PDB file of all heavy atoms in Angstrom:
ATOM      1  N   GLU A   1      94.232 100.646 -14.657  1.00  0.00           N
ATOM      2  CA  GLU A   1      95.112  99.886 -13.769  1.00  0.00           C
ATOM      3  C   GLU A   1      96.177 100.778 -13.134  1.00  0.00           C
ATOM      4  O   GLU A   1      96.566 100.577 -11.989  1.00  0.00           O
ATOM      5  CB  GLU A   1      95.778  98.750 -14.557  1.00  0.00           C
ATOM      6  CG  GLU A   1      94.793  97.706 -15.058  1.00  0.00           C
ATOM      7  CD  GLU A   1      93.988  97.091 -13.932  1.00  0.00           C
ATOM      8  OE1 GLU A   1      94.584  96.625 -12.938  1.00  0.00           O
ATOM      9  OE2 GLU A   1      92.736  97.099 -14.031  1.00  0.00           O
ATOM     10  N   GLU A   2      96.625 101.769 -13.882  1.00  0.00           N
ATOM     11  CA  GLU A   2      97.599 102.705 -13.307  1.00  0.00           C
ATOM     12  C   GLU A   2      96.980 103.476 -12.145  1.00  0.00           C
ATOM     13  O   GLU A   2      97.624 103.672 -11.098  1.00  0.00           O
ATOM     14  CB  GLU A   2      98.081 103.659 -14.399  1.00  0.00           C
ATOM     15  CG  GLU A   2      99.229 104.555 -13.950  1.00  0.00           C
ATOM     16  CD  GLU A   2      99.809 105.344 -15.105  1.00  0.00           C
ATOM     17  OE1 GLU A   2      99.644 104.931 -16.264  1.00  0.00           O
ATOM     18  OE2 GLU A   2     100.438 106.379 -14.835  1.00  0.00           O
ATOM     19  N   ALA A   3      95.742 103.911 -12.312  1.00  0.00           N
ATOM     20  CA  ALA A   3      95.054 104.604 -11.215  1.00  0.00           C
ATOM     21  C   ALA A   3      94.859 103.669 -10.023  1.00  0.00           C
ATOM     22  O   ALA A   3      95.014 104.072  -8.859  1.00  0.00           O
ATOM     23  CB  ALA A   3      93.700 105.126 -11.706  1.00  0.00           C
ATOM     24  N   LYS A   4      94.564 102.411 -10.322  1.00  0.00           N
ATOM     25  CA  LYS A   4      94.366 101.435  -9.254  1.00  0.00           C
ATOM     26  C   LYS A   4      95.665 101.217  -8.473  1.00  0.00           C
ATOM     27  O   LYS A   4      95.668 101.159  -7.235  1.00  0.00           O
ATOM     28  CB  LYS A   4      93.885 100.123  -9.863  1.00  0.00           C
ATOM     29  CG  LYS A   4      93.443  99.089  -8.857  1.00  0.00           C
ATOM     30  CD  LYS A   4      93.152  97.758  -9.538  1.00  0.00           C
ATOM     31  CE  LYS A   4      92.083  97.907 -10.574  1.00  0.00           C
ATOM     32  NZ  LYS A   4      91.758  96.616 -11.214  1.00  0.00           N
ATOM     33  N   VAL A   5      96.784 101.098  -9.193  1.00  0.00           N
ATOM     34  CA  VAL A   5      98.079 100.904  -8.537  1.00  0.00           C
ATOM     35  C   VAL A   5      98.457 102.123  -7.710  1.00  0.00           C
ATOM     36  O   VAL A   5      98.992 102.006  -6.592  1.00  0.00           O
ATOM     37  CB  VAL A   5      99.162 100.583  -9.585  1.00  0.00           C
ATOM     38  CG1 VAL A   5     100.548 100.628  -8.971  1.00  0.00           C
ATOM     39  CG2 VAL A   5      98.915  99.221 -10.208  1.00  0.00           C
ATOM     40  N   GLU A   6      98.163 103.297  -8.231  1.00  0.00           N
ATOM     41  CA  GLU A   6      98.472 104.516  -7.481  1.00  0.00           C
ATOM     42  C   GLU A   6      97.634 104.604  -6.211  1.00  0.00           C
ATOM     43  O   GLU A   6      98.124 105.046  -5.155  1.00  0.00           O
ATOM     44  CB  GLU A   6      98.230 105.740  -8.369  1.00  0.00           C
ATOM     45  CG  GLU A   6      99.275 105.892  -9.478  1.00  0.00           C
ATOM     46  CD  GLU A   6      99.015 107.085 -10.360  1.00  0.00           C
ATOM     47  OE1 GLU A   6      97.935 107.724 -10.177  1.00  0.00           O
ATOM     48  OE2 GLU A   6      99.854 107.392 -11.227  1.00  0.00           O
ATOM     49  N   ILE A   7      96.378 104.172  -6.287  1.00  0.00           N
ATOM     50  CA  ILE A   7      95.523 104.151  -5.081  1.00  0.00           C
ATOM     51  C   ILE A   7      96.116 103.197  -4.054  1.00  0.00           C
ATOM     52  O   ILE A   7      96.202 103.507  -2.855  1.00  0.00           O
ATOM     53  CB  ILE A   7      94.094 103.762  -5.438  1.00  0.00           C
ATOM     54  CG1 ILE A   7      93.432 104.879  -6.256  1.00  0.00           C
ATOM     55  CG2 ILE A   7      93.283 103.473  -4.191  1.00  0.00           C
ATOM     56  CD1 ILE A   7      92.064 104.526  -6.786  1.00  0.00           C
ATOM     57  N   ALA A   8      96.528 102.005  -4.515  1.00  0.00           N
ATOM     58  CA  ALA A   8      97.147 101.041  -3.600  1.00  0.00           C
ATOM     59  C   ALA A   8      98.425 101.605  -2.992  1.00  0.00           C
ATOM     60  O   ALA A   8      98.697 101.419  -1.789  1.00  0.00           O
ATOM     61  CB  ALA A   8      97.433  99.735  -4.346  1.00  0.00           C
ATOM     62  N   GLN A   9      99.204 102.312  -3.802  1.00  0.00           N
ATOM     63  CA  GLN A   9     100.433 102.920  -3.288  1.00  0.00           C
ATOM     64  C   GLN A   9     100.121 103.954  -2.221  1.00  0.00           C
ATOM     65  O   GLN A   9     100.782 104.003  -1.156  1.00  0.00           O
ATOM     66  CB  GLN A   9     101.207 103.557  -4.447  1.00  0.00           C
ATOM     67  CG  GLN A   9     102.490 104.250  -3.995  1.00  0.00           C
ATOM     68  CD  GLN A   9     103.066 105.148  -5.072  1.00  0.00           C
ATOM     69  OE1 GLN A   9     102.306 105.731  -5.841  1.00  0.00           O
ATOM     70  NE2 GLN A   9     104.376 105.263  -5.137  1.00  0.00           N
ATOM     71  N   LEU A  10      99.132 104.788  -2.451  1.00  0.00           N
ATOM     72  CA  LEU A  10      98.750 105.803  -1.459  1.00  0.00           C
ATOM     73  C   LEU A  10      98.296 105.134  -0.165  1.00  0.00           C
ATOM     74  O   LEU A  10      98.635 105.607   0.943  1.00  0.00           O
ATOM     75  CB  LEU A  10      97.648 106.698  -2.024  1.00  0.00           C
ATOM     76  CG  LEU A  10      98.059 107.625  -3.175  1.00  0.00           C
ATOM     77  CD1 LEU A  10      96.841 108.368  -3.708  1.00  0.00           C
ATOM     78  CD2 LEU A  10      99.109 108.627  -2.701  1.00  0.00           C
ATOM     79  N   ASN A  11      97.541 104.044  -0.288  1.00  0.00           N
ATOM     80  CA  ASN A  11      97.093 103.340   0.928  1.00  0.00           C
ATOM     81  C   ASN A  11      98.274 102.781   1.704  1.00  0.00           C
ATOM     82  O   ASN A  11      98.345 102.891   2.931  1.00  0.00           O
ATOM     83  CB  ASN A  11      96.135 102.207   0.548  1.00  0.00           C
ATOM     84  CG  ASN A  11      94.791 102.736   0.075  1.00  0.00           C
ATOM     85  OD1 ASN A  11      94.393 103.838   0.428  1.00  0.00           O
ATOM     86  ND2 ASN A  11      94.089 101.947  -0.723  1.00  0.00           N
ATOM     87  N   VAL A  12      99.221 102.176   0.999  1.00  0.00           N
ATOM     88  CA  VAL A  12     100.398 101.605   1.661  1.00  0.00           C
ATOM     89  C   VAL A  12     101.221 102.707   2.335  1.00  0.00           C
ATOM     90  O   VAL A  12     101.641 102.564   3.501  1.00  0.00           O
ATOM     91  CB  VAL A  12     101.256 100.824   0.647  1.00  0.00           C
ATOM     92  CG1 VAL A  12     102.578 100.405   1.281  1.00  0.00           C
ATOM     93  CG2 VAL A  12     100.498  99.600   0.147  1.00  0.00           C
ATOM     94  N   ARG A  13     101.424 103.796   1.629  1.00  0.00           N
ATOM     95  CA  ARG A  13     102.201 104.884   2.219  1.00  0.00           C
ATOM     96  C   ARG A  13     101.493 105.470   3.430  1.00  0.00           C
ATOM     97  O   ARG A  13     102.145 105.775   4.461  1.00  0.00           O
ATOM     98  CB  ARG A  13     102.424 105.978   1.171  1.00  0.00           C
ATOM     99  CG  ARG A  13     103.487 105.616   0.134  1.00  0.00           C
ATOM    100  CD  ARG A  13     103.684 106.748  -0.842  1.00  0.00           C
ATOM    101  NE  ARG A  13     104.795 106.474  -1.752  1.00  0.00           N
ATOM    102  CZ  ARG A  13     105.129 107.253  -2.766  1.00  0.00           C
ATOM    103  NH1 ARG A  13     104.416 108.356  -3.005  1.00  0.00           N
ATOM    104  NH2 ARG A  13     106.143 106.926  -3.538  1.00  0.00           N
ATOM    105  N   GLU A  14     100.188 105.615   3.326  1.00  0.00           N
ATOM    106  CA  GLU A  14      99.448 106.161   4.457  1.00  0.00           C
ATOM    107  C   GLU A  14      99.534 105.235   5.668  1.00  0.00           C
ATOM    108  O   GLU A  14      99.719 105.697   6.809  1.00  0.00           O
ATOM    109  CB  GLU A  14      97.992 106.370   4.049  1.00  0.00           C
ATOM    110  CG  GLU A  14      97.137 107.000   5.144  1.00  0.00           C
ATOM    111  CD  GLU A  14      95.702 107.224   4.703  1.00  0.00           C
ATOM    112  OE1 GLU A  14      95.393 106.924   3.532  1.00  0.00           O
ATOM    113  OE2 GLU A  14      94.898 107.679   5.539  1.00  0.00           O
ATOM    114  N   ILE A  15      99.438 103.942   5.427  1.00  0.00           N
ATOM    115  CA  ILE A  15      99.515 102.977   6.537  1.00  0.00           C
ATOM    116  C   ILE A  15     100.880 103.031   7.192  1.00  0.00           C
ATOM    117  O   ILE A  15     100.999 103.083   8.432  1.00  0.00           O
ATOM    118  CB  ILE A  15      99.197 101.562   6.004  1.00  0.00           C
ATOM    119  CG1 ILE A  15      97.713 101.452   5.659  1.00  0.00           C
ATOM    120  CG2 ILE A  15      99.585 100.502   7.023  1.00  0.00           C
ATOM    121  CD1 ILE A  15      97.348 100.181   4.913  1.00  0.00           C
ATOM    122  N   PHE A  16     101.951 103.039   6.381  1.00  0.00           N
ATOM    123  CA  PHE A  16     103.291 103.045   6.958  1.00  0.00           C
ATOM    124  C   PHE A  16     103.607 104.381   7.615  1.00  0.00           C
ATOM    125  O   PHE A  16     104.267 104.427   8.661  1.00  0.00           O
ATOM    126  CB  PHE A  16     104.325 102.718   5.893  1.00  0.00           C
ATOM    127  CG  PHE A  16     104.369 101.262   5.543  1.00  0.00           C
ATOM    128  CD1 PHE A  16     104.529 100.853   4.229  1.00  0.00           C
ATOM    129  CD2 PHE A  16     104.247 100.294   6.511  1.00  0.00           C
ATOM    130  CE1 PHE A  16     104.560  99.518   3.903  1.00  0.00           C
ATOM    131  CE2 PHE A  16     104.289  98.940   6.201  1.00  0.00           C
ATOM    132  CZ  PHE A  16     104.443  98.552   4.890  1.00  0.00           C
ATOM    133  N   ASN A  17     103.146 105.469   7.012  1.00  0.00           N
ATOM    134  CA  ASN A  17     103.375 106.780   7.656  1.00  0.00           C
ATOM    135  C   ASN A  17     102.667 106.858   9.001  1.00  0.00           C
ATOM    136  O   ASN A  17     103.203 107.415   9.968  1.00  0.00           O
ATOM    137  CB  ASN A  17     102.876 107.899   6.733  1.00  0.00           C
ATOM    138  CG  ASN A  17     103.789 108.114   5.537  1.00  0.00           C
ATOM    139  OD1 ASN A  17     104.988 107.825   5.602  1.00  0.00           O
ATOM    140  ND2 ASN A  17     103.238 108.624   4.452  1.00  0.00           N
ATOM    141  N   THR A  18     101.479 106.278   9.066  1.00  0.00           N
ATOM    142  CA  THR A  18     100.752 106.250  10.345  1.00  0.00           C
ATOM    143  C   THR A  18     101.500 105.415  11.369  1.00  0.00           C
ATOM    144  O   THR A  18     101.611 105.807  12.549  1.00  0.00           O
ATOM    145  CB  THR A  18      99.337 105.686  10.136  1.00  0.00           C
ATOM    146  OG1 THR A  18      98.646 106.501   9.188  1.00  0.00           O
ATOM    147  CG2 THR A  18      98.570 105.669  11.438  1.00  0.00           C
ATOM    148  N   ALA A  19     102.024 104.269  10.936  1.00  0.00           N
ATOM    149  CA  ALA A  19     102.782 103.424  11.859  1.00  0.00           C
ATOM    150  C   ALA A  19     104.028 104.127  12.364  1.00  0.00           C
ATOM    151  O   ALA A  19     104.374 104.045  13.565  1.00  0.00           O
ATOM    152  CB  ALA A  19     103.138 102.113  11.166  1.00  0.00           C
ATOM    153  N   VAL A  20     104.727 104.833  11.469  1.00  0.00           N
ATOM    154  CA  VAL A  20     105.918 105.581  11.882  1.00  0.00           C
ATOM    155  C   VAL A  20     105.541 106.698  12.855  1.00  0.00           C
ATOM    156  O   VAL A  20     106.238 106.958  13.854  1.00  0.00           O
ATOM    157  CB  VAL A  20     106.643 106.141  10.638  1.00  0.00           C
ATOM    158  CG1 VAL A  20     107.722 107.147  11.047  1.00  0.00           C
ATOM    159  CG2 VAL A  20     107.257 105.010   9.824  1.00  0.00           C
ATOM    160  N   SER A  21     104.426 107.369  12.585  1.00  0.00           N
ATOM    161  CA  SER A  21     103.966 108.424  13.499  1.00  0.00           C
ATOM    162  C   SER A  21     103.638 107.832  14.870  1.00  0.00           C
ATOM    163  O   SER A  21     103.946 108.441  15.924  1.00  0.00           O
ATOM    164  CB  SER A  21     102.748 109.126  12.920  1.00  0.00           C
ATOM    165  OG  SER A  21     103.044 109.758  11.702  1.00  0.00           O
ATOM    166  N   ASP A  22     103.004 106.638  14.886  1.00  0.00           N
ATOM    167  CA  ASP A  22     102.712 105.990  16.170  1.00  0.00           C
ATOM    168  C   ASP A  22     103.994 105.672  16.929  1.00  0.00           C
ATOM    169  O   ASP A  22     104.059 105.845  18.162  1.00  0.00           O
ATOM    170  CB  ASP A  22     101.919 104.711  15.925  1.00  0.00           C
ATOM    171  CG  ASP A  22     100.515 104.987  15.407  1.00  0.00           C
ATOM    172  OD1 ASP A  22     100.026 106.114  15.606  1.00  0.00           O
ATOM    173  OD2 ASP A  22      99.911 104.078  14.792  1.00  0.00           O
ATOM    174  N   LEU A  23     105.011 105.208  16.204  1.00  0.00           N
ATOM    175  CA  LEU A  23     106.283 104.884  16.855  1.00  0.00           C
ATOM    176  C   LEU A  23     106.926 106.156  17.426  1.00  0.00           C
ATOM    177  O   LEU A  23     107.431 106.158  18.567  1.00  0.00           O
ATOM    178  CB  LEU A  23     107.220 104.199  15.864  1.00  0.00           C
ATOM    179  CG  LEU A  23     108.592 103.792  16.396  1.00  0.00           C
ATOM    180  CD1 LEU A  23     108.466 102.837  17.577  1.00  0.00           C
ATOM    181  CD2 LEU A  23     109.427 103.170  15.288  1.00  0.00           C
ATOM    182  N   ASN A  24     106.915 107.225  16.679  1.00  0.00           N
ATOM    183  CA  ASN A  24     107.479 108.492  17.177  1.00  0.00           C
ATOM    184  C   ASN A  24     106.706 109.002  18.394  1.00  0.00           C
ATOM    185  O   ASN A  24     107.287 109.586  19.319  1.00  0.00           O
ATOM    186  CB  ASN A  24     107.457 109.544  16.065  1.00  0.00           C
ATOM    187  CG  ASN A  24     108.464 109.245  14.971  1.00  0.00           C
ATOM    188  OD1 ASN A  24     109.530 108.673  15.249  1.00  0.00           O
ATOM    189  ND2 ASN A  24     108.156 109.630  13.748  1.00  0.00           N
ATOM    190  N   PHE A  25     105.403 108.762  18.378  1.00  0.00           N
ATOM    191  CA  PHE A  25     104.588 109.162  19.521  1.00  0.00           C
ATOM    192  C   PHE A  25     105.023 108.414  20.791  1.00  0.00           C
ATOM    193  O   PHE A  25     105.171 109.006  21.878  1.00  0.00           O
ATOM    194  CB  PHE A  25     103.108 108.904  19.230  1.00  0.00           C
ATOM    195  CG  PHE A  25     102.202 109.065  20.398  1.00  0.00           C
ATOM    196  CD1 PHE A  25     101.807 110.326  20.823  1.00  0.00           C
ATOM    197  CD2 PHE A  25     101.741 107.946  21.101  1.00  0.00           C
ATOM    198  CE1 PHE A  25     100.974 110.468  21.929  1.00  0.00           C
ATOM    199  CE2 PHE A  25     100.904 108.094  22.200  1.00  0.00           C
ATOM    200  CZ  PHE A  25     100.518 109.360  22.615  1.00  0.00           C
ATOM    201  N   LEU A  26     105.249 107.092  20.651  1.00  0.00           N
ATOM    202  CA  LEU A  26     105.666 106.313  21.808  1.00  0.00           C
ATOM    203  C   LEU A  26     107.053 106.713  22.292  1.00  0.00           C
ATOM    204  O   LEU A  26     107.321 106.744  23.509  1.00  0.00           O
ATOM    205  CB  LEU A  26     105.653 104.817  21.474  1.00  0.00           C
ATOM    206  CG  LEU A  26     104.282 104.155  21.337  1.00  0.00           C
ATOM    207  CD1 LEU A  26     104.445 102.681  21.025  1.00  0.00           C
ATOM    208  CD2 LEU A  26     103.465 104.335  22.611  1.00  0.00           C
ATOM    209  N   VAL A  27     107.964 107.001  21.369  1.00  0.00           N
ATOM    210  CA  VAL A  27     109.330 107.374  21.762  1.00  0.00           C
ATOM    211  C   VAL A  27     109.322 108.646  22.603  1.00  0.00           C
ATOM    212  O   VAL A  27     110.186 108.836  23.488  1.00  0.00           O
ATOM    213  CB  VAL A  27     110.201 107.542  20.508  1.00  0.00           C
ATOM    214  CG1 VAL A  27     111.553 108.155  20.869  1.00  0.00           C
ATOM    215  CG2 VAL A  27     110.414 106.198  19.826  1.00  0.00           C
ATOM    216  N   GLU A  28     108.363 109.519  22.387  1.00  0.00           N
ATOM    217  CA  GLU A  28     108.305 110.775  23.109  1.00  0.00           C
ATOM    218  C   GLU A  28     107.359 110.721  24.316  1.00  0.00           C
ATOM    219  O   GLU A  28     107.105 111.759  24.959  1.00  0.00           O
ATOM    220  CB  GLU A  28     107.855 111.884  22.150  1.00  0.00           C
ATOM    221  CG  GLU A  28     108.825 112.116  20.996  1.00  0.00           C
ATOM    222  CD  GLU A  28     108.281 113.094  19.972  1.00  0.00           C
ATOM    223  OE1 GLU A  28     107.128 113.546  20.170  1.00  0.00           O
ATOM    224  OE2 GLU A  28     108.990 113.416  19.017  1.00  0.00           O
ATOM    225  N   ASP A  29     106.821 109.514  24.629  1.00  0.00           N
ATOM    226  CA  ASP A  29     105.876 109.405  25.743  1.00  0.00           C
ATOM    227  C   ASP A  29     106.579 109.672  27.086  1.00  0.00           C
ATOM    228  O   ASP A  29     107.702 109.175  27.323  1.00  0.00           O
ATOM    229  CB  ASP A  29     105.264 108.006  25.748  1.00  0.00           C
ATOM    230  CG  ASP A  29     104.206 107.860  26.819  1.00  0.00           C
ATOM    231  OD1 ASP A  29     103.094 108.377  26.630  1.00  0.00           O
ATOM    232  OD2 ASP A  29     104.511 107.212  27.840  1.00  0.00           O
ATOM    233  N   ASP A  30     105.928 110.419  27.965  1.00  0.00           N
ATOM    234  CA  ASP A  30     106.534 110.799  29.252  1.00  0.00           C
ATOM    235  C   ASP A  30     106.765 109.589  30.145  1.00  0.00           C
ATOM    236  O   ASP A  30     107.781 109.507  30.856  1.00  0.00           O
ATOM    237  CB  ASP A  30     105.649 111.817  29.970  1.00  0.00           C
ATOM    238  CG  ASP A  30     105.611 113.151  29.253  1.00  0.00           C
ATOM    239  OD1 ASP A  30     106.576 113.435  28.485  1.00  0.00           O
ATOM    240  OD2 ASP A  30     104.631 113.906  29.408  1.00  0.00           O
ATOM    241  N   ASP A  31     105.809 108.623  30.134  1.00  0.00           N
ATOM    242  CA  ASP A  31     105.982 107.441  30.970  1.00  0.00           C
ATOM    243  C   ASP A  31     107.212 106.652  30.555  1.00  0.00           C
ATOM    244  O   ASP A  31     107.953 106.100  31.391  1.00  0.00           O
ATOM    245  CB  ASP A  31     104.749 106.558  30.893  1.00  0.00           C
ATOM    246  CG  ASP A  31     103.554 107.200  31.606  1.00  0.00           C
ATOM    247  OD1 ASP A  31     103.766 108.021  32.521  1.00  0.00           O
ATOM    248  OD2 ASP A  31     102.405 106.892  31.225  1.00  0.00           O
ATOM    249  N   LEU A  32     107.442 106.570  29.231  1.00  0.00           N
ATOM    250  CA  LEU A  32     108.619 105.863  28.740  1.00  0.00           C
ATOM    251  C   LEU A  32     109.892 106.592  29.116  1.00  0.00           C
ATOM    252  O   LEU A  32     110.872 105.969  29.577  1.00  0.00           O
ATOM    253  CB  LEU A  32     108.535 105.700  27.200  1.00  0.00           C
ATOM    254  CG  LEU A  32     109.756 105.074  26.527  1.00  0.00           C
ATOM    255  CD1 LEU A  32     110.008 103.655  27.042  1.00  0.00           C
ATOM    256  CD2 LEU A  32     109.607 105.081  25.008  1.00  0.00           C
ATOM    257  N   LEU A  33     109.903 107.907  28.963  1.00  0.00           N
ATOM    258  CA  LEU A  33     111.102 108.676  29.298  1.00  0.00           C
ATOM    259  C   LEU A  33     111.410 108.583  30.784  1.00  0.00           C
ATOM    260  O   LEU A  33     112.581 108.442  31.208  1.00  0.00           O
ATOM    261  CB  LEU A  33     110.910 110.142  28.871  1.00  0.00           C
ATOM    262  CG  LEU A  33     110.711 110.385  27.362  1.00  0.00           C
ATOM    263  CD1 LEU A  33     110.456 111.860  27.106  1.00  0.00           C
ATOM    264  CD2 LEU A  33     111.931 109.915  26.585  1.00  0.00           C
ATOM    265  N   SER A  34     110.367 108.622  31.592  1.00  0.00           N
ATOM    266  CA  SER A  34     110.561 108.546  33.040  1.00  0.00           C
ATOM    267  C   SER A  34     111.101 107.180  33.450  1.00  0.00           C
ATOM    268  O   SER A  34     112.017 107.069  34.273  1.00  0.00           O
ATOM    269  CB  SER A  34     109.241 108.833  33.756  1.00  0.00           C
ATOM    270  OG  SER A  34     109.380 108.690  35.153  1.00  0.00           O
ATOM    271  N   PHE A  35     110.558 106.109  32.891  1.00  0.00           N
ATOM    272  CA  PHE A  35     111.020 104.760  33.237  1.00  0.00           C
ATOM    273  C   PHE A  35     112.443 104.533  32.746  1.00  0.00           C
ATOM    274  O   PHE A  35     113.246 103.883  33.437  1.00  0.00           O
ATOM    275  CB  PHE A  35     110.086 103.720  32.621  1.00  0.00           C
ATOM    276  CG  PHE A  35     110.545 102.313  32.833  1.00  0.00           C
ATOM    277  CD1 PHE A  35     110.362 101.680  34.062  1.00  0.00           C
ATOM    278  CD2 PHE A  35     111.191 101.612  31.817  1.00  0.00           C
ATOM    279  CE1 PHE A  35     110.803 100.377  34.261  1.00  0.00           C
ATOM    280  CE2 PHE A  35     111.630 100.314  32.018  1.00  0.00           C
ATOM    281  CZ  PHE A  35     111.431  99.687  33.244  1.00  0.00           C
ATOM    282  N   ALA A  36     112.777 105.065  31.564  1.00  0.00           N
ATOM    283  CA  ALA A  36     114.124 104.846  31.036  1.00  0.00           C
ATOM    284  C   ALA A  36     115.171 105.510  31.913  1.00  0.00           C
ATOM    285  O   ALA A  36     116.260 104.974  32.120  1.00  0.00           O
ATOM    286  CB  ALA A  36     114.210 105.370  29.603  1.00  0.00           C
ATOM    287  N   ARG A  37     114.826 106.709  32.446  1.00  0.00           N
ATOM    288  CA  ARG A  37     115.811 107.410  33.285  1.00  0.00           C
ATOM    289  C   ARG A  37     115.981 106.693  34.634  1.00  0.00           C
ATOM    290  O   ARG A  37     117.101 106.451  35.083  1.00  0.00           O
ATOM    291  CB  ARG A  37     115.340 108.851  33.526  1.00  0.00           C
ATOM    292  CG  ARG A  37     115.431 109.773  32.333  1.00  0.00           C
ATOM    293  CD  ARG A  37     115.241 111.205  32.792  1.00  0.00           C
ATOM    294  NE  ARG A  37     115.183 112.145  31.694  1.00  0.00           N
ATOM    295  CZ  ARG A  37     114.060 112.591  31.145  1.00  0.00           C
ATOM    296  NH1 ARG A  37     112.891 112.156  31.603  1.00  0.00           N
ATOM    297  NH2 ARG A  37     114.079 113.448  30.134  1.00  0.00           N
ATOM    298  N   ASN A  38     114.888 106.387  35.295  1.00  0.00           N
ATOM    299  CA  ASN A  38     114.929 105.788  36.652  1.00  0.00           C
ATOM    300  C   ASN A  38     113.960 104.611  36.707  1.00  0.00           C
ATOM    301  O   ASN A  38     112.802 104.765  37.101  1.00  0.00           O
ATOM    302  CB  ASN A  38     114.543 106.821  37.718  1.00  0.00           C
ATOM    303  CG  ASN A  38     115.497 108.015  37.729  1.00  0.00           C
ATOM    304  OD1 ASN A  38     116.699 107.857  37.919  1.00  0.00           O
ATOM    305  ND2 ASN A  38     114.941 109.208  37.517  1.00  0.00           N
ATOM    306  N   PRO A  39     114.403 103.431  36.260  1.00  0.00           N
ATOM    307  CA  PRO A  39     113.504 102.275  36.266  1.00  0.00           C
ATOM    308  C   PRO A  39     113.050 101.932  37.690  1.00  0.00           C
ATOM    309  O   PRO A  39     113.840 101.918  38.630  1.00  0.00           O
ATOM    310  CB  PRO A  39     114.367 101.155  35.687  1.00  0.00           C
ATOM    311  CG  PRO A  39     115.489 101.846  34.983  1.00  0.00           C
ATOM    312  CD  PRO A  39     115.757 103.102  35.750  1.00  0.00           C
ATOM    313  N   SER A  40     111.758 101.688  37.837  1.00  0.00           N
ATOM    314  CA  SER A  40     111.189 101.235  39.106  1.00  0.00           C
ATOM    315  C   SER A  40     109.948 100.428  38.771  1.00  0.00           C
ATOM    316  O   SER A  40     109.397 100.509  37.661  1.00  0.00           O
ATOM    317  CB  SER A  40     110.836 102.419  40.003  1.00  0.00           C
ATOM    318  OG  SER A  40     109.783 103.176  39.437  1.00  0.00           O
ATOM    319  N   GLU A  41     109.496  99.640  39.731  1.00  0.00           N
ATOM    320  CA  GLU A  41     108.337  98.806  39.485  1.00  0.00           C
ATOM    321  C   GLU A  41     107.102  99.641  39.240  1.00  0.00           C
ATOM    322  O   GLU A  41     106.263  99.313  38.386  1.00  0.00           O
ATOM    323  CB  GLU A  41     108.122  97.858  40.667  1.00  0.00           C
ATOM    324  CG  GLU A  41     107.098  96.774  40.392  1.00  0.00           C
ATOM    325  CD  GLU A  41     107.506  95.867  39.246  1.00  0.00           C
ATOM    326  OE1 GLU A  41     108.732  95.741  38.966  1.00  0.00           O
ATOM    327  OE2 GLU A  41     106.631  95.312  38.585  1.00  0.00           O
TER     328      GLU A  41
END
């Protein structure tokens, strides 16, 4: 059961780390930076 819990923990951490990486990717996106500086349609 300890090994099972550790596997579940690794899965959760991997999922959240991936989500955080996706968010950092979007924050650095050029289209987002360009729109934030000079919004246009």
